[in-house]
């Protein structure tokens, strides 16, 4: 059970990392465009 929870957390971290890498530049460009 502990291993399963650990695996789920690592998956969440991986998804979050992918989201940050893909959305980061868009958010920065949007912030620069707004300001």
C-alpha atoms as a PDB file:
ATOM      1  CA  UNK A   1       0.000   0.000   0.000  1.00  0.00           C
ATOM      2  CA  UNK A   2       2.832   2.376   0.856  1.00  0.00           C
ATOM      3  CA  UNK A   3       4.551   1.607  -2.442  1.00  0.00           C
ATOM      4  CA  UNK A   4       1.305   2.238  -4.317  1.00  0.00           C
ATOM      5  CA  UNK A   5       0.858   5.630  -2.656  1.00  0.00           C
ATOM      6  CA  UNK A   6       4.491   6.483  -3.370  1.00  0.00           C
ATOM      7  CA  UNK A   7       4.007   5.538  -7.014  1.00  0.00           C
ATOM      8  CA  UNK A   8       0.925   7.737  -7.241  1.00  0.00           C
ATOM      9  CA  UNK A   9       2.801  10.701  -5.779  1.00  0.00           C
ATOM     10  CA  UNK A  10       5.696  10.243  -8.198  1.00  0.00           C
ATOM     11  CA  UNK A  11       3.190  10.148 -11.063  1.00  0.00           C
ATOM     12  CA  UNK A  12       1.576  13.376  -9.818  1.00  0.00           C
ATOM     13  CA  UNK A  13       4.985  15.023  -9.549  1.00  0.00           C
ATOM     14  CA  UNK A  14       5.822  13.929 -13.097  1.00  0.00           C
ATOM     15  CA  UNK A  15       2.534  15.300 -14.455  1.00  0.00           C
ATOM     16  CA  UNK A  16       3.043  18.565 -12.576  1.00  0.00           C
ATOM     17  CA  UNK A  17       6.572  18.867 -13.976  1.00  0.00           C
ATOM     18  CA  UNK A  18       5.305  18.330 -17.535  1.00  0.00           C
ATOM     19  CA  UNK A  19       2.554  20.916 -17.008  1.00  0.00           C
ATOM     20  CA  UNK A  20       5.046  23.476 -15.670  1.00  0.00           C
ATOM     21  CA  UNK A  21       7.451  22.872 -18.557  1.00  0.00           C
ATOM     22  CA  UNK A  22       4.723  23.209 -21.188  1.00  0.00           C
ATOM     23  CA  UNK A  23       2.664  25.989 -19.586  1.00  0.00           C
ATOM     24  CA  UNK A  24       5.540  28.014 -18.116  1.00  0.00           C
ATOM     25  CA  UNK A  25       6.559  29.816 -21.338  1.00  0.00           C
ATOM     26  CA  UNK A  26       2.914  30.506 -22.231  1.00  0.00           C
ATOM     27  CA  UNK A  27       2.231  31.984 -18.783  1.00  0.00           C
ATOM     28  CA  UNK A  28       5.384  34.110 -18.994  1.00  0.00           C
ATOM     29  CA  UNK A  29       4.472  35.346 -22.474  1.00  0.00           C
ATOM     30  CA  UNK A  30       0.933  36.134 -21.338  1.00  0.00           C
ATOM     31  CA  UNK A  31       2.185  38.026 -18.282  1.00  0.00           C
ATOM     32  CA  UNK A  32       4.610  39.995 -20.480  1.00  0.00           C
ATOM     33  CA  UNK A  33       1.828  40.733 -22.982  1.00  0.00           C
ATOM     34  CA  UNK A  34      -0.549  41.941 -20.265  1.00  0.00           C
ATOM     35  CA  UNK A  35       2.061  44.170 -18.651  1.00  0.00           C
END
